[in-house]
Amino acid sequence: MPPGETPPAEGSESWAGGQTYHQPDLPHESFWSRFGLVSVIAIGVLVAALFVVWAVVRAVDL
């Protein structure tokens, strides 16, 4: 084998000694995961609507 080349047996192994690592499974869709997203969006829309109502009431009073 010429100098500077990797031997074939070592070239197929990773730095971790040939062990492979897999990404863990993502959580499954459930009622609670959707409920959290929907509740955050609903609260945001409610706060935005309250600001619009506040601005309209303030503009009408002037």
N, C-alpha and C. Protein backbone atom coordinates (compact mmCIF):
# COMPACT_ATOMS: atom_id res chain seq x y z
N MET A 1 0.85 -1.16 0.00
CA MET A 1 0.00 0.00 0.00
C MET A 1 0.91 1.24 0.00
N PRO A 2 0.59 2.22 -0.84
CA PRO A 2 1.42 3.44 -0.89
C PRO A 2 1.26 4.26 0.39
N PRO A 3 2.29 5.01 0.76
CA PRO A 3 2.19 5.85 1.97
C PRO A 3 1.11 6.92 1.81
N GLY A 4 0.38 7.20 2.88
CA GLY A 4 -0.64 8.25 2.87
C GLY A 4 -2.03 7.75 2.54
N GLU A 5 -2.20 6.50 2.13
CA GLU A 5 -3.53 5.98 1.83
C GLU A 5 -4.08 5.24 3.03
N THR A 6 -5.41 5.26 3.16
CA THR A 6 -6.06 4.59 4.27
C THR A 6 -6.26 3.12 3.93
N PRO A 7 -5.93 2.23 4.84
CA PRO A 7 -6.18 0.82 4.57
C PRO A 7 -7.68 0.55 4.39
N PRO A 8 -8.09 -0.38 3.55
CA PRO A 8 -9.51 -0.60 3.29
C PRO A 8 -10.33 -0.96 4.53
N ALA A 9 -9.78 -1.71 5.46
CA ALA A 9 -10.55 -2.10 6.66
C ALA A 9 -10.87 -0.90 7.52
N GLU A 10 -9.99 0.08 7.59
CA GLU A 10 -10.23 1.25 8.43
C GLU A 10 -11.07 2.30 7.73
N GLY A 11 -11.07 2.31 6.43
CA GLY A 11 -11.83 3.32 5.71
C GLY A 11 -13.33 3.14 5.83
N SER A 12 -13.81 1.95 6.10
CA SER A 12 -15.24 1.72 6.19
C SER A 12 -15.80 2.00 7.57
N GLU A 13 -14.96 2.22 8.55
CA GLU A 13 -15.43 2.47 9.91
C GLU A 13 -15.52 3.97 10.18
N SER A 14 -16.48 4.35 11.01
CA SER A 14 -16.60 5.75 11.38
C SER A 14 -15.67 6.05 12.56
N TRP A 15 -15.64 7.29 12.99
CA TRP A 15 -14.78 7.69 14.10
C TRP A 15 -15.23 7.05 15.40
N ALA A 16 -16.49 6.59 15.46
CA ALA A 16 -17.00 6.00 16.68
C ALA A 16 -16.81 4.49 16.71
N GLY A 17 -15.92 4.00 15.92
CA GLY A 17 -15.66 2.57 15.94
C GLY A 17 -16.69 1.75 15.20
N GLY A 18 -17.31 2.33 14.21
CA GLY A 18 -18.28 1.60 13.42
C GLY A 18 -19.69 1.63 13.96
N GLN A 19 -19.93 2.26 15.11
CA GLN A 19 -21.28 2.35 15.65
C GLN A 19 -22.05 3.42 14.89
N THR A 20 -23.29 3.16 14.65
CA THR A 20 -24.12 4.16 13.99
C THR A 20 -25.13 4.71 14.98
N TYR A 21 -25.45 5.96 14.82
CA TYR A 21 -26.40 6.63 15.69
C TYR A 21 -27.57 7.10 14.85
N HIS A 22 -28.78 6.92 15.38
CA HIS A 22 -29.99 7.31 14.67
C HIS A 22 -30.67 8.44 15.42
N GLN A 23 -31.33 9.31 14.65
CA GLN A 23 -32.09 10.38 15.26
C GLN A 23 -33.30 9.78 15.97
N PRO A 24 -33.60 10.23 17.18
CA PRO A 24 -34.77 9.68 17.88
C PRO A 24 -36.05 10.02 17.13
N ASP A 25 -37.07 9.21 17.33
CA ASP A 25 -38.34 9.45 16.68
C ASP A 25 -38.93 10.78 17.15
N LEU A 26 -39.58 11.47 16.23
CA LEU A 26 -40.25 12.70 16.58
C LEU A 26 -41.55 12.36 17.30
N PRO A 27 -42.02 13.25 18.18
CA PRO A 27 -43.26 12.94 18.89
C PRO A 27 -44.42 12.85 17.90
N HIS A 28 -45.35 11.98 18.20
CA HIS A 28 -46.51 11.80 17.33
C HIS A 28 -47.51 12.92 17.57
N GLU A 29 -48.27 13.19 16.51
CA GLU A 29 -49.33 14.18 16.65
C GLU A 29 -50.36 13.67 17.66
N SER A 30 -50.75 14.49 18.56
CA SER A 30 -51.77 14.12 19.53
C SER A 30 -52.65 15.32 19.80
N PHE A 31 -53.70 15.10 20.55
CA PHE A 31 -54.61 16.19 20.90
C PHE A 31 -53.88 17.30 21.63
N TRP A 32 -52.99 16.95 22.56
CA TRP A 32 -52.34 17.96 23.38
C TRP A 32 -51.33 18.78 22.60
N SER A 33 -50.66 18.18 21.62
CA SER A 33 -49.71 18.97 20.83
C SER A 33 -50.46 19.97 19.97
N ARG A 34 -51.60 19.56 19.41
CA ARG A 34 -52.41 20.50 18.61
C ARG A 34 -53.08 21.52 19.51
N PHE A 35 -53.51 21.12 20.69
CA PHE A 35 -54.17 22.03 21.62
C PHE A 35 -53.23 23.17 22.02
N GLY A 36 -51.97 22.84 22.26
CA GLY A 36 -51.01 23.88 22.63
C GLY A 36 -50.82 24.90 21.52
N LEU A 37 -50.68 24.42 20.29
CA LEU A 37 -50.50 25.33 19.16
C LEU A 37 -51.74 26.19 18.95
N VAL A 38 -52.90 25.57 18.98
CA VAL A 38 -54.14 26.31 18.76
C VAL A 38 -54.37 27.32 19.87
N SER A 39 -54.06 26.97 21.11
CA SER A 39 -54.28 27.90 22.21
C SER A 39 -53.34 29.10 22.13
N VAL A 40 -52.09 28.88 21.73
CA VAL A 40 -51.16 30.00 21.59
C VAL A 40 -51.61 30.94 20.47
N ILE A 41 -52.05 30.37 19.35
CA ILE A 41 -52.53 31.20 18.24
C ILE A 41 -53.80 31.96 18.66
N ALA A 42 -54.71 31.28 19.36
CA ALA A 42 -55.96 31.93 19.78
C ALA A 42 -55.68 33.08 20.75
N ILE A 43 -54.76 32.89 21.67
CA ILE A 43 -54.42 33.97 22.61
C ILE A 43 -53.80 35.14 21.86
N GLY A 44 -52.95 34.85 20.89
CA GLY A 44 -52.35 35.92 20.09
C GLY A 44 -53.39 36.72 19.31
N VAL A 45 -54.36 36.01 18.71
CA VAL A 45 -55.44 36.70 17.97
C VAL A 45 -56.29 37.52 18.93
N LEU A 46 -56.58 36.98 20.10
CA LEU A 46 -57.38 37.70 21.09
C LEU A 46 -56.68 38.98 21.55
N VAL A 47 -55.39 38.90 21.81
CA VAL A 47 -54.64 40.09 22.23
C VAL A 47 -54.60 41.13 21.11
N ALA A 48 -54.40 40.68 19.87
CA ALA A 48 -54.40 41.61 18.74
C ALA A 48 -55.76 42.27 18.58
N ALA A 49 -56.84 41.50 18.74
CA ALA A 49 -58.19 42.08 18.63
C ALA A 49 -58.44 43.09 19.74
N LEU A 50 -57.97 42.81 20.94
CA LEU A 50 -58.14 43.76 22.04
C LEU A 50 -57.39 45.07 21.77
N PHE A 51 -56.20 44.97 21.18
CA PHE A 51 -55.47 46.19 20.82
C PHE A 51 -56.21 46.99 19.76
N VAL A 52 -56.81 46.31 18.79
CA VAL A 52 -57.57 47.02 17.75
C VAL A 52 -58.79 47.70 18.37
N VAL A 53 -59.50 47.00 19.23
CA VAL A 53 -60.68 47.59 19.89
C VAL A 53 -60.25 48.77 20.75
N TRP A 54 -59.17 48.62 21.47
CA TRP A 54 -58.67 49.73 22.31
C TRP A 54 -58.33 50.94 21.45
N ALA A 55 -57.68 50.72 20.30
CA ALA A 55 -57.31 51.83 19.43
C ALA A 55 -58.54 52.51 18.84
N VAL A 56 -59.54 51.73 18.46
CA VAL A 56 -60.76 52.32 17.90
C VAL A 56 -61.48 53.12 18.97
N VAL A 57 -61.62 52.58 20.16
CA VAL A 57 -62.31 53.30 21.25
C VAL A 57 -61.55 54.58 21.58
N ARG A 58 -60.26 54.52 21.61
CA ARG A 58 -59.47 55.70 21.91
C ARG A 58 -59.59 56.75 20.81
N ALA A 59 -59.63 56.32 19.55
CA ALA A 59 -59.76 57.26 18.44
C ALA A 59 -61.15 57.91 18.41
N VAL A 60 -62.18 57.18 18.78
CA VAL A 60 -63.55 57.71 18.76
C VAL A 60 -63.72 58.72 19.89
N ASP A 61 -63.12 58.51 21.02
CA ASP A 61 -63.26 59.42 22.15
C ASP A 61 -62.64 60.78 21.88
N LEU A 62 -61.66 60.85 20.99
CA LEU A 62 -61.02 62.15 20.73
C LEU A 62 -61.93 62.94 19.87
